[in-house]
Protein backbone atom coordinates (compact mmCIF):
# COMPACT_ATOMS: atom_id res chain seq x y z
CA MET A 1 -5.12 -26.87 -6.35
CA ILE A 2 -4.08 -23.21 -5.80
CA THR A 3 -1.94 -23.99 -2.49
CA THR A 4 0.37 -27.06 -1.90
CA ASP A 5 -0.51 -28.69 1.67
CA LEU A 6 1.98 -28.36 3.76
CA ASP A 7 2.58 -32.12 3.79
CA HIS A 8 3.28 -32.09 0.24
CA LEU A 9 5.09 -28.93 0.26
CA PRO A 10 8.84 -29.57 -1.36
CA THR A 11 11.81 -29.51 1.35
CA ASP A 12 14.47 -28.58 -1.01
CA VAL A 13 14.49 -25.95 -3.72
CA ASP A 14 16.19 -23.13 -5.56
CA VAL A 15 13.83 -20.41 -3.82
CA ALA A 16 12.20 -19.44 -1.07
CA VAL A 17 10.05 -16.26 -0.95
CA ILE A 18 8.56 -15.47 2.52
CA GLY A 19 4.98 -13.48 2.15
CA SER A 20 2.03 -13.23 -0.51
CA GLY A 21 1.51 -10.21 -1.10
CA ALA A 22 2.78 -8.00 -4.51
CA ALA A 23 6.39 -8.21 -3.49
CA GLY A 24 6.57 -12.04 -2.99
CA LEU A 25 4.41 -12.74 -5.92
CA THR A 26 5.96 -10.41 -8.11
CA ALA A 27 9.89 -11.75 -6.94
CA ALA A 28 8.33 -15.55 -7.34
CA THR A 29 7.21 -15.19 -10.67
CA ARG A 30 10.11 -13.43 -11.86
CA ALA A 31 12.50 -15.94 -10.34
CA ALA A 32 10.68 -18.99 -11.69
CA ASP A 33 11.19 -17.32 -15.39
CA ALA A 34 14.78 -19.37 -15.25
CA HIS A 35 12.73 -22.60 -14.21
CA ALA A 36 14.05 -22.41 -10.90
CA ARG A 37 11.78 -24.11 -7.68
CA VAL A 38 10.45 -21.57 -6.24
CA VAL A 39 8.11 -21.86 -3.42
CA VAL A 40 5.83 -18.80 -1.59
CA LEU A 41 5.38 -19.34 1.89
CA GLU A 42 2.46 -17.42 3.66
CA LYS A 43 1.95 -16.97 7.32
CA ALA A 44 -1.61 -16.05 7.03
CA ALA A 45 -4.53 -18.66 6.17
CA GLN A 46 -5.25 -16.91 2.87
CA LEU A 47 -3.35 -15.27 0.10
CA GLY A 48 -2.49 -11.55 -1.01
CA GLY A 49 -1.14 -9.85 1.57
CA THR A 50 -1.44 -6.17 2.43
CA THR A 51 -2.13 -5.88 -1.29
CA ALA A 52 -5.11 -8.14 -1.46
CA VAL A 53 -6.56 -5.55 1.38
CA GLY A 54 -5.70 -2.44 -0.28
CA GLY A 55 -6.39 -0.28 -3.80
CA GLY A 56 -3.31 -2.16 -5.91
CA VAL A 57 -2.90 1.13 -7.20
CA ILE A 58 0.59 1.22 -8.47
CA TRP A 59 3.00 4.03 -8.93
CA ALA A 60 5.46 3.68 -12.02
CA PRO A 61 6.69 7.29 -13.43
CA ALA A 62 7.84 7.60 -17.24
CA ASN A 63 6.23 3.78 -17.85
CA PRO A 64 5.09 2.45 -21.07
CA LEU A 65 1.46 2.26 -20.68
CA ALA A 66 1.30 5.99 -19.98
CA ALA A 67 2.63 7.05 -23.36
CA ASP A 68 0.46 4.78 -25.09
CA ALA A 69 -2.37 6.41 -23.79
CA GLY A 70 -1.23 9.83 -24.74
CA PHE A 71 0.11 11.28 -21.21
CA ALA A 72 3.07 13.46 -21.23
CA ASP A 73 6.10 12.12 -18.99
CA SER A 74 9.38 11.65 -19.76
CA ARG A 75 12.79 10.45 -17.65
CA GLN A 76 14.21 13.28 -16.92
CA GLU A 77 10.70 14.60 -15.45
CA ALA A 78 10.36 11.53 -13.47
CA LEU A 79 14.18 11.99 -11.97
CA ASP A 80 13.12 15.53 -11.75
CA TYR A 81 10.01 15.00 -9.43
CA LEU A 82 11.89 12.30 -7.72
CA ASN A 83 14.11 14.64 -6.48
CA ALA A 84 11.82 17.84 -5.18
CA ALA A 85 9.25 15.10 -3.68
CA THR A 86 11.99 13.57 -1.54
CA GLU A 87 13.67 16.51 -0.86
CA GLY A 88 16.98 14.97 -2.21
CA ALA A 89 16.64 11.89 0.09
CA LEU A 90 17.35 9.88 -3.09
CA THR A 91 20.67 10.05 -4.67
CA GLU A 92 21.13 10.80 -8.64
CA ALA A 93 22.08 6.73 -8.84
CA GLU A 94 18.53 5.71 -6.89
CA ALA A 95 16.07 7.71 -8.64
CA GLN A 96 17.48 6.59 -12.33
CA TRP A 97 17.17 3.14 -10.67
CA PHE A 98 13.94 3.57 -9.54
CA VAL A 99 12.34 5.56 -12.60
CA ASP A 100 14.24 2.98 -15.23
CA SER A 101 13.31 -0.18 -13.19
CA ALA A 102 9.83 0.89 -12.97
CA SER A 103 9.47 1.25 -16.31
CA ALA A 104 10.96 -2.40 -16.54
CA ALA A 105 9.01 -3.61 -14.15
CA VAL A 106 5.52 -2.29 -15.79
CA ASP A 107 6.62 -3.63 -18.91
CA TYR A 108 7.45 -7.00 -17.95
CA LEU A 109 4.02 -7.43 -15.67
CA THR A 110 2.04 -6.61 -18.64
CA ARG A 111 3.54 -8.53 -21.35
CA GLU A 112 4.84 -11.49 -19.26
CA THR A 113 2.26 -12.09 -16.78
CA ARG A 114 -1.67 -11.85 -16.27
CA VAL A 115 -1.39 -8.40 -14.72
CA SER A 116 -3.52 -5.79 -16.43
CA LEU A 117 -2.64 -2.32 -15.91
CA THR A 118 -4.30 1.02 -17.32
CA PRO A 119 -3.12 4.85 -16.28
CA LEU A 120 -5.36 6.63 -14.11
CA ALA A 121 -5.85 10.13 -15.22
CA ARG A 122 -4.66 10.86 -11.20
CA PRO A 123 -2.27 13.87 -10.28
CA ASP A 124 0.73 13.71 -8.70
CA TYR A 125 0.63 14.58 -5.24
CA ARG A 126 2.89 17.54 -5.36
CA LEU A 127 1.59 19.20 -8.79
CA GLU A 128 4.09 22.32 -7.63
CA PHE A 129 7.16 20.38 -7.86
CA PRO A 130 9.41 20.12 -10.95
CA GLY A 131 8.53 16.98 -13.17
CA ALA A 132 4.99 16.57 -11.68
CA THR A 133 1.89 15.29 -14.07
CA GLN A 134 -1.54 15.27 -14.54
CA GLY A 135 -1.91 11.60 -14.79
CA GLY A 136 -0.46 8.41 -16.37
CA ARG A 137 1.83 7.41 -13.24
CA SER A 138 -1.01 5.73 -10.76
CA LEU A 139 -1.71 2.64 -12.22
CA ASP A 140 -5.02 0.70 -12.01
CA ASN A 141 -5.85 -3.00 -12.34
CA SER A 142 -8.25 -4.39 -14.57
CA ALA A 143 -11.08 -6.52 -12.73
CA PHE A 144 -10.03 -9.78 -12.45
CA ASP A 145 -12.61 -12.89 -12.89
CA VAL A 146 -11.40 -15.05 -9.86
CA GLY A 147 -14.97 -17.07 -9.65
CA SER A 148 -13.49 -18.80 -12.67
CA ILE A 149 -10.73 -20.14 -10.94
CA PRO A 150 -11.91 -23.12 -8.87
CA GLY A 151 -10.26 -22.66 -5.09
CA LEU A 152 -8.99 -18.96 -5.43
CA ALA A 153 -12.00 -17.24 -3.96
CA GLU A 154 -11.32 -19.19 -1.06
CA ALA A 155 -7.57 -18.96 -0.86
CA LEU A 156 -7.13 -15.10 -1.50
CA ARG A 157 -7.68 -12.53 1.15
CA PRO A 158 -10.33 -10.32 0.66
CA SER A 159 -10.50 -6.79 0.49
CA SER A 160 -11.45 -5.22 4.26
CA TYR A 161 -13.68 -2.59 2.88
CA PHE A 162 -13.15 -1.34 -0.81
CA PRO A 163 -16.19 -2.02 -3.20
CA LEU A 164 -15.80 -4.24 -6.16
CA LEU A 165 -14.94 -1.38 -8.11
CA THR A 166 -11.59 -0.76 -10.24
CA MET A 167 -9.65 2.63 -8.89
CA ALA A 168 -10.62 4.54 -12.07
CA GLU A 169 -14.93 3.63 -11.20
CA ARG A 170 -14.32 4.45 -7.95
CA ASP A 171 -12.91 8.21 -9.06
CA ASP A 172 -15.85 8.76 -11.26
CA LEU A 173 -17.76 8.49 -8.77
CA ASN A 174 -17.65 11.89 -7.40
CA GLY A 175 -18.34 10.96 -3.79
CA ALA A 176 -21.45 9.29 -4.72
CA ALA A 177 -21.92 5.55 -3.80
CA ALA A 178 -21.41 2.58 -6.25
CA ASP A 179 -24.10 1.03 -7.97
CA PRO A 180 -25.47 -1.70 -5.57
CA GLU A 181 -26.57 -3.95 -8.83
CA LEU A 182 -23.07 -3.82 -9.94
CA LEU A 183 -21.66 -4.65 -6.91
CA LYS A 184 -24.04 -7.72 -6.42
CA THR A 185 -23.34 -8.90 -9.80
CA ARG A 186 -19.71 -8.84 -9.32
CA THR A 187 -20.15 -10.47 -6.08
CA GLU A 188 -22.13 -13.14 -7.19
CA THR A 189 -19.77 -14.00 -10.03
CA GLY A 190 -16.40 -13.85 -8.46
CA VAL A 191 -15.05 -10.77 -9.65
CA ARG A 192 -12.42 -9.04 -7.87
CA THR A 193 -10.65 -5.54 -8.41
CA MET A 194 -7.90 -3.51 -7.10
CA GLY A 195 -5.49 -4.88 -4.95
CA GLY A 196 -7.45 -8.11 -5.35
CA ALA A 197 -7.29 -8.12 -8.96
CA LEU A 198 -3.41 -7.53 -8.63
CA ALA A 199 -2.82 -10.36 -5.82
CA ALA A 200 -4.81 -12.78 -8.00
CA SER A 201 -3.05 -12.07 -11.34
CA LEU A 202 0.23 -12.30 -9.80
CA LEU A 203 -0.72 -15.41 -7.73
CA MET A 204 -2.09 -17.10 -10.90
CA SER A 205 1.12 -15.71 -12.80
CA ALA A 206 3.21 -17.76 -10.30
CA ILE A 207 1.22 -20.88 -10.16
CA ASP A 208 0.88 -20.96 -14.38
CA ARG A 209 5.40 -21.09 -13.71
CA GLY A 210 4.99 -24.24 -11.45
CA VAL A 211 5.53 -21.87 -7.79
CA LYS A 212 4.22 -23.96 -5.31
CA VAL A 213 2.60 -21.78 -2.54
CA ALA A 214 1.45 -22.48 1.10
CA VAL A 215 -0.69 -21.30 3.52
CA ASN A 216 -0.35 -21.17 7.33
CA ALA A 217 3.54 -21.38 6.99
CA ALA A 218 4.90 -19.23 9.41
CA VAL A 219 8.37 -18.86 9.25
CA GLY A 220 9.83 -19.15 12.64
CA SER A 221 13.77 -19.30 12.18
CA LEU A 222 16.11 -18.35 9.25
CA ASP A 223 19.90 -19.99 9.68
CA ARG A 224 22.78 -20.44 7.15
CA THR A 225 23.96 -24.15 6.65
CA ASP A 226 27.39 -25.46 6.58
CA ASP A 227 27.62 -25.78 2.79
CA CYS A 228 25.68 -21.74 2.65
CA ARG A 229 22.72 -22.35 1.65
CA TRP A 230 19.34 -21.63 3.76
CA GLN A 231 17.54 -23.46 6.55
CA LEU A 232 13.73 -22.30 7.17
CA ARG A 233 11.93 -23.70 10.33
CA LEU A 234 8.39 -23.21 10.06
CA ARG A 235 6.49 -22.83 13.36
CA GLU A 236 4.66 -25.60 13.14
CA GLY A 237 8.08 -27.67 12.70
CA ARG A 238 8.92 -28.79 9.09
CA THR A 239 12.03 -27.49 7.90
CA LEU A 240 13.13 -26.30 3.95
CA LEU A 241 16.72 -25.91 2.69
CA ALA A 242 16.70 -22.94 -0.25
CA ASP A 243 19.64 -21.24 -1.85
CA THR A 244 17.82 -17.95 -1.78
CA VAL A 245 15.76 -16.35 0.21
CA VAL A 246 13.54 -13.61 -0.29
CA ILE A 247 11.96 -11.90 2.83
CA ALA A 248 8.86 -9.89 1.59
CA SER A 249 6.41 -10.53 4.76
CA GLY A 250 5.05 -6.85 5.12
CA GLY A 251 5.39 -4.12 7.82
CA PHE A 252 5.28 -4.60 11.53
CA GLU A 253 2.29 -1.87 11.92
CA TRP A 254 0.38 -4.48 13.82
CA ASN A 255 3.21 -5.56 16.34
CA PRO A 256 2.68 -3.00 19.43
CA ARG A 257 6.17 -3.51 20.78
CA LEU A 258 7.94 -2.66 17.55
CA GLN A 259 5.72 -0.10 17.00
CA ALA A 260 6.38 1.48 20.25
CA SER A 261 10.08 0.66 19.43
CA PHE A 262 10.35 2.82 16.31
CA LEU A 263 7.37 4.89 15.52
CA PRO A 264 6.67 8.66 16.73
CA HIS A 265 3.72 8.17 17.53
CA ARG A 266 0.70 5.85 17.50
CA ILE A 267 -0.83 4.79 14.58
CA THR A 268 -3.92 2.99 13.46
CA PRO A 269 -3.22 0.21 10.55
CA ILE A 270 -5.35 -0.76 8.43
CA SER A 271 -3.86 -3.61 6.55
CA ALA A 272 -3.32 -7.25 7.03
CA PRO A 273 -3.12 -8.27 10.84
CA SER A 274 -0.58 -10.56 9.87
CA ASN A 275 1.75 -8.00 9.49
CA GLU A 276 3.74 -7.88 12.47
CA GLY A 277 7.24 -7.80 11.57
CA ASP A 278 8.41 -11.55 11.38
CA GLY A 279 10.45 -10.95 8.42
CA LEU A 280 11.92 -7.99 9.62
CA GLU A 281 13.49 -9.65 12.62
CA LEU A 282 14.46 -12.60 10.68
CA GLY A 283 16.52 -10.27 8.67
CA LEU A 284 17.89 -8.32 11.83
CA ARG A 285 18.68 -11.66 13.28
CA LEU A 286 20.94 -12.32 10.07
CA GLY A 287 22.87 -9.09 10.75
CA GLY A 288 20.91 -7.28 7.92
CA ALA A 289 20.76 -3.31 8.15
CA VAL A 290 17.90 -1.25 8.42
CA SER A 291 16.74 2.25 7.43
CA ASP A 292 14.31 4.74 7.87
CA MET A 293 12.32 2.83 10.75
CA THR A 294 10.58 5.68 11.44
CA THR A 295 8.53 6.32 8.60
CA PHE A 296 5.32 4.61 7.70
CA TRP A 297 2.73 4.88 4.65
CA GLY A 298 0.39 7.77 6.06
CA VAL A 299 -3.77 7.63 5.99
CA PRO A 300 -6.57 9.10 8.13
CA VAL A 301 -8.37 6.42 9.10
CA ILE A 302 -12.20 6.10 10.47
CA THR A 303 -13.02 3.49 12.83
CA THR A 304 -16.48 1.98 13.44
CA PRO A 305 -17.22 -0.67 15.53
CA ASP A 306 -18.25 -3.53 12.62
CA GLN A 307 -14.89 -3.16 10.80
CA ILE A 308 -13.42 -6.07 11.91
CA TYR A 309 -10.57 -7.70 10.06
CA ASP A 310 -8.97 -10.91 10.59
CA GLY A 311 -10.62 -10.74 14.05
CA LYS A 312 -9.22 -7.39 14.58
CA GLN A 313 -10.12 -3.65 14.91
CA SER A 314 -9.65 -2.03 11.82
CA GLY A 315 -10.70 0.83 9.62
CA ARG A 316 -11.04 2.34 6.35
CA MET A 317 -8.97 5.44 4.68
CA GLY A 318 -10.96 8.74 5.60
CA ASN A 319 -9.04 10.97 3.11
CA VAL A 320 -12.34 10.98 0.69
CA GLU A 321 -14.72 12.41 3.62
CA MET A 322 -12.15 15.02 4.53
CA THR A 323 -11.99 15.94 1.23
CA LEU A 324 -15.88 16.57 0.07
CA PRO A 325 -17.55 19.56 0.44
CA GLY A 326 -19.48 20.04 3.84
CA SER A 327 -17.04 18.64 6.49
CA ILE A 328 -14.03 19.94 8.25
CA THR A 329 -11.77 17.90 10.54
CA VAL A 330 -10.71 19.60 13.77
CA GLY A 331 -8.72 18.74 16.56
CA ALA A 332 -9.10 19.55 20.85
CA ASP A 333 -9.23 22.42 20.54
CA GLY A 334 -12.15 22.45 18.20
CA LYS A 335 -9.91 24.09 15.20
CA ARG A 336 -8.73 23.00 11.94
CA PHE A 337 -5.13 21.99 11.53
CA VAL A 338 -4.65 21.04 8.05
CA ASN A 339 -5.92 21.32 4.58
CA GLU A 340 -7.84 18.23 4.45
CA ALA A 341 -8.08 17.44 1.24
CA LEU A 342 -4.24 17.51 1.28
CA ASN A 343 -2.71 14.05 -0.24
CA TYR A 344 -3.51 11.14 3.01
CA HIS A 345 -0.02 10.87 3.53
CA ASP A 346 0.81 14.44 4.24
CA VAL A 347 -2.36 14.89 6.08
CA SER A 348 -1.18 11.89 8.31
CA ARG A 349 2.21 14.02 8.93
CA VAL A 350 0.51 16.78 9.90
CA PHE A 351 -1.52 14.62 12.85
CA GLY A 352 1.60 13.13 14.02
CA ALA A 353 2.79 16.87 13.85
CA THR A 354 3.35 18.19 17.72
CA ASP A 355 0.80 20.67 18.51
CA ALA A 356 2.89 23.37 20.74
CA ALA A 357 -0.34 24.03 22.95
CA ARG A 358 -0.97 20.46 24.38
CA LEU A 359 2.53 18.81 23.56
CA ALA A 360 0.88 16.19 21.71
CA PRO A 361 0.08 15.22 18.50
CA LYS A 362 -2.21 17.75 16.21
CA GLY A 363 -4.51 14.86 15.20
CA ASP A 364 -4.87 12.81 18.41
CA PRO A 365 -7.78 13.65 18.84
CA ALA A 366 -9.23 14.33 15.89
CA TRP A 367 -12.82 14.80 14.46
CA LEU A 368 -14.74 14.81 11.07
CA VAL A 369 -17.39 17.09 11.48
CA PHE A 370 -20.32 17.39 9.14
CA ASP A 371 -23.69 18.64 8.56
CA ARG A 372 -27.17 16.96 7.56
CA GLN A 373 -26.81 17.90 3.49
CA TYR A 374 -23.17 16.19 3.99
CA LEU A 375 -24.94 13.57 5.40
CA ASN A 376 -27.36 12.92 2.68
CA SER A 377 -25.02 13.36 0.00
CA TYR A 378 -22.47 10.85 0.54
CA PRO A 379 -21.56 7.93 2.38
CA VAL A 380 -18.93 8.35 5.85
CA ALA A 381 -17.37 5.02 6.37
CA GLY A 382 -19.35 3.07 4.19
CA SER A 383 -22.67 4.33 5.94
CA THR A 384 -25.88 4.58 3.32
CA PRO A 385 -26.28 8.72 2.62
CA GLY A 386 -29.29 9.82 4.48
CA SER A 387 -28.96 7.35 7.26
CA PRO A 388 -27.16 8.37 10.42
CA ALA A 389 -25.21 5.09 11.92
CA ASP A 390 -25.16 4.72 15.47
CA TRP A 391 -21.79 5.06 15.87
CA MET A 392 -21.88 8.97 14.73
CA ILE A 393 -22.42 11.41 17.25
CA GLU A 394 -25.37 13.38 16.22
CA ALA A 395 -26.68 17.47 17.98
CA GLU A 396 -28.67 19.67 17.38
CA THR A 397 -26.31 22.63 17.48
CA ILE A 398 -22.66 23.15 16.84
CA GLU A 399 -22.09 24.03 20.45
CA ALA A 400 -23.93 20.83 21.74
CA LEU A 401 -21.84 18.56 19.30
CA ALA A 402 -18.69 20.25 20.69
CA GLU A 403 -19.93 19.59 24.01
CA ALA A 404 -20.43 15.65 23.15
CA ILE A 405 -17.45 14.92 21.68
CA GLY A 406 -15.12 16.95 24.12
CA VAL A 407 -14.10 19.88 22.08
CA ASP A 408 -13.69 23.51 22.80
CA PRO A 409 -17.08 24.82 22.07
CA VAL A 410 -16.11 28.60 21.34
CA GLY A 411 -13.42 27.37 19.46
CA LEU A 412 -15.56 25.01 17.11
CA ILE A 413 -18.16 27.67 16.85
CA ASP A 414 -15.73 30.24 15.71
CA GLN A 415 -14.17 27.68 13.14
CA VAL A 416 -17.89 26.68 11.69
CA ALA A 417 -18.51 30.55 11.15
CA LYS A 418 -14.57 31.17 9.69
CA PHE A 419 -14.81 27.90 7.03
CA ASN A 420 -18.75 28.78 6.11
CA ALA A 421 -17.64 32.30 5.51
CA ASP A 422 -14.45 30.89 3.02
CA ALA A 423 -16.95 28.20 1.55
CA GLU A 424 -19.57 30.59 0.39
CA SER A 425 -16.68 32.90 -1.65
CA GLY A 426 -15.12 29.48 -2.43
CA VAL A 427 -11.34 30.46 -1.03
CA ASP A 428 -9.85 28.54 1.80
CA THR A 429 -8.01 31.44 3.53
CA GLU A 430 -6.57 28.97 6.50
CA PHE A 431 -5.29 26.37 4.55
CA GLY A 432 -6.49 26.90 0.99
CA ARG A 433 -8.39 23.91 0.62
CA GLY A 434 -9.30 22.79 -3.16
CA ASN A 435 -6.93 25.43 -4.90
CA SER A 436 -4.72 22.76 -6.45
CA PRO A 437 -6.00 20.16 -9.00
CA GLU A 438 -5.08 17.21 -6.70
CA ASP A 439 -7.13 18.96 -4.04
CA ARG A 440 -9.99 18.84 -6.15
CA PHE A 441 -9.57 15.42 -7.57
CA LEU A 442 -11.47 13.86 -4.78
CA GLY A 443 -13.88 16.72 -4.56
CA ASP A 444 -17.56 17.05 -5.64
CA SER A 445 -17.54 18.03 -9.17
CA SER A 446 -21.47 19.31 -8.83
CA VAL A 447 -20.13 21.88 -6.15
CA THR A 448 -19.08 25.28 -7.19
CA PRO A 449 -16.95 27.59 -6.95
CA ASN A 450 -15.05 24.84 -5.11
CA PRO A 451 -15.44 21.45 -5.17
CA CYS A 452 -14.17 20.75 -1.62
CA LEU A 453 -15.53 23.46 0.29
CA ARG A 454 -19.33 24.21 1.44
CA PRO A 455 -20.93 25.75 4.43
CA LEU A 456 -21.80 23.76 7.42
CA THR A 457 -25.66 25.04 8.13
CA VAL A 458 -28.05 22.39 8.06
CA GLY A 459 -28.69 21.06 11.21
CA PRO A 460 -28.43 18.28 12.93
CA PHE A 461 -24.69 18.02 12.94
CA TYR A 462 -22.28 15.17 13.42
CA ALA A 463 -19.03 13.79 14.49
CA VAL A 464 -16.74 10.76 13.99
CA PRO A 465 -13.10 10.34 15.42
CA VAL A 466 -10.35 10.40 12.58
CA HIS A 467 -7.10 8.69 13.79
CA CYS A 468 -3.59 8.70 12.17
CA GLY A 469 -3.62 5.62 10.55
CA ALA A 470 -1.23 3.79 8.61
CA LEU A 471 -1.31 1.46 4.96
CA GLY A 472 1.83 -0.22 6.64
CA THR A 473 5.42 0.66 7.60
CA SER A 474 7.68 1.99 4.81
CA GLY A 475 11.14 1.57 7.03
CA GLY A 476 13.23 -1.56 7.49
CA LEU A 477 15.54 -4.18 5.82
CA SER A 478 18.06 -2.22 3.60
CA ALA A 479 18.83 -3.76 0.07
CA ASP A 480 20.71 -2.81 -2.68
CA GLU A 481 20.52 -2.09 -6.43
CA HIS A 482 19.48 -5.70 -6.71
CA GLY A 483 17.39 -6.45 -4.01
CA ARG A 484 20.25 -8.07 -1.68
CA VAL A 485 20.00 -7.43 2.36
CA VAL A 486 23.01 -5.56 2.70
CA ASP A 487 24.36 -5.79 6.53
CA PHE A 488 25.96 -2.58 8.69
CA SER A 489 28.83 -2.45 6.41
CA GLY A 490 27.03 -2.11 2.88
CA ALA A 491 28.22 -5.31 2.26
CA PRO A 492 25.13 -7.78 0.66
CA ILE A 493 24.45 -11.06 2.81
CA ASP A 494 24.58 -13.54 -0.24
CA GLY A 495 21.24 -15.32 -1.34
CA LEU A 496 19.26 -13.27 0.95
CA TYR A 497 16.86 -10.79 -0.94
CA THR A 498 13.94 -8.25 0.56
CA ALA A 499 11.00 -6.48 -1.08
CA GLY A 500 7.94 -4.91 -0.15
CA ASN A 501 7.00 -3.02 3.64
CA VAL A 502 9.74 -5.00 5.05
CA SER A 503 12.45 -3.78 3.53
CA ALA A 504 12.60 0.32 3.77
CA SER A 505 11.01 2.09 1.00
CA VAL A 506 12.78 3.41 -2.14
CA PHE A 507 11.44 6.60 -1.47
CA HIS A 508 12.62 6.63 2.37
CA GLY A 509 9.75 7.89 3.77
CA ALA A 510 8.22 10.35 0.92
CA TYR A 511 5.18 9.83 -0.92
CA PRO A 512 5.32 11.17 -4.72
CA GLY A 513 1.78 10.06 -5.70
CA GLY A 514 -1.03 7.55 -5.50
CA GLY A 515 0.25 3.89 -5.50
CA ALA A 516 3.82 4.70 -3.89
CA THR A 517 3.65 1.94 -1.32
CA LEU A 518 3.17 -0.86 -4.26
CA GLY A 519 4.97 1.26 -6.28
CA SER A 520 8.14 0.85 -4.17
CA ALA A 521 7.60 -2.97 -3.35
CA VAL A 522 7.01 -4.00 -6.68
CA VAL A 523 9.47 -2.37 -8.64
CA ARG A 524 12.19 -3.88 -5.83
CA ALA A 525 10.54 -7.44 -6.15
CA PHE A 526 10.85 -7.03 -9.70
CA VAL A 527 14.51 -6.60 -10.09
CA ALA A 528 15.25 -9.20 -6.76
CA GLY A 529 13.36 -11.56 -9.01
CA ARG A 530 15.29 -10.80 -12.11
CA HIS A 531 18.44 -10.71 -10.44
CA ILE A 532 17.86 -13.90 -8.66
CA ALA A 533 16.97 -15.35 -12.40
CA GLY A 534 19.93 -14.17 -13.63
CA ARG A 535 22.27 -15.27 -11.42
CA GLY A 536 20.69 -18.79 -11.66
CA ILE A 537 20.99 -18.66 -15.46
CA ALA A 538 24.79 -17.97 -15.26
CA ASP A 539 25.62 -20.56 -12.46
CA ASP A 540 23.52 -22.92 -14.32
CA GLU A 541 25.38 -21.91 -17.78
CA GLN A 542 28.92 -22.57 -16.00
CA ALA A 543 27.96 -25.58 -14.38
CA GLN A 544 26.77 -27.18 -17.57
CA GLU A 545 30.12 -25.89 -19.22
CA GLU A 546 32.12 -27.49 -16.38
CA ASP A 547 30.40 -30.41 -16.35
CA HIS A 548 30.59 -30.86 -20.40
CA ALA A 549 34.05 -30.18 -20.04
CA ARG A 550 34.06 -33.29 -17.55
CA SER A 551 31.75 -35.87 -18.67
CA GLY A 552 30.20 -34.28 -22.06
CA GLU A 553 26.88 -34.48 -20.48
CA HIS A 554 24.73 -31.62 -19.81
CA VAL A 555 23.28 -30.74 -16.40
CA HIS A 556 19.40 -29.74 -16.55
CA SER A 557 18.39 -28.02 -13.42
CA ILE A 558 18.97 -24.51 -12.26
CA ARG A 559 21.12 -24.63 -9.48
CA ARG A 560 22.28 -21.80 -7.00
């Protein structure tokens, strides 16, 4: 069995982990290396959290896999880049901690668990900064054969929309649709890729170590006992006692109350809908401090009527559609307001910036506008190239399209004319789209001289709304260098750890490269699990010595 029924779940354990995404499973796996009794409690009916929903890429600078693959990188270059990419928000000690811990985490995962990672030839998101690299820091997951393990496919949360391709395979598509036969074969055989592969490999690594995993196990309260242990009360009534708790339950992006309380403007989440801030509120009630609460892992999002996930309206990342040639993204005035090929996190920051004329976010509303040639060439939010979907707005002329979507017709006509002239020359004189290698990475290399630019000239013309979306929130519980939750005085709360989007990001709201979300989550979870395991071993050795001195007998169980 992959999961343990609540009726058979241990009620007294060494470590209880709340959440079954990459953060929770990494912490559980590493803690279990010390032979601790570990349980993972998942609120939802399936495992994997937002990890299983998404792309699964881990950003880890100066990692050993990149060096073995011949990518140029160094510890000092990584430190220089982090300092620049986070605008100095990381202290030197924090940057050193992350770079060194990331390397150790990658080494551990690839040597000691079922995780299989491959460096991507994907450039950092700000190549103009010192220490940036052309590739190797973003790590992809090898495909994982879920179908060969009974019960795993049913237990694991599916991707919301990503095709069954590795990220490297997706990058190689050059904007085209995936091979349907390959997708069919992988579907029939039960192969998972991207975040699904990472979640599956971590889940099985935890189970290999005897970790018990339960679903439908939402934690309603977390309290200290008189003997300084933790009592976890599940919402369905059961209670568990644990010496150590790891809160790794995801962000708060699906909680309208918390979103309105902390975020600067509304967002459209595309993560696991179970991310409602439960763990954040547990930590706050225990006196945990928070930081960076106004930040989130941003991404432009296209929503379609059929994009329903866990019964809720969801969407797809729209950054590829915005980058490919033959499209522009405009606001209410019909004008472009951003370099559409900019990395998705920074695009979202511009979406949320205030439009001085309207005193509203620039990207609210925003529209992806494209022509028939674009429609024939590329899928849009999963559509079939050449076939307009019924949720696309279509018009024979740019003016008619502007009227149909409610933007200024003169503004859109002028914008398309200016963009077309720039596209013909291959130089975007307004925003520099396609000028940098990171811009061109997701363009169409068959289009010259600029793979991100092509005129919009072939009618009819189309438009779909684009929203400021989120892969998750990135502010949350504050943690120290061991992953322990700290209170507002900066002191660690003994026995309470945190990792993933429920905790404040390592990068303080910045997004240095593809996979930064999981880079922050996995590294902190690894460090937390290592500290828990180390503390257990040290405490066990001390207990054995004391017991041996008293009775000459050894204690074999690990207790904290």
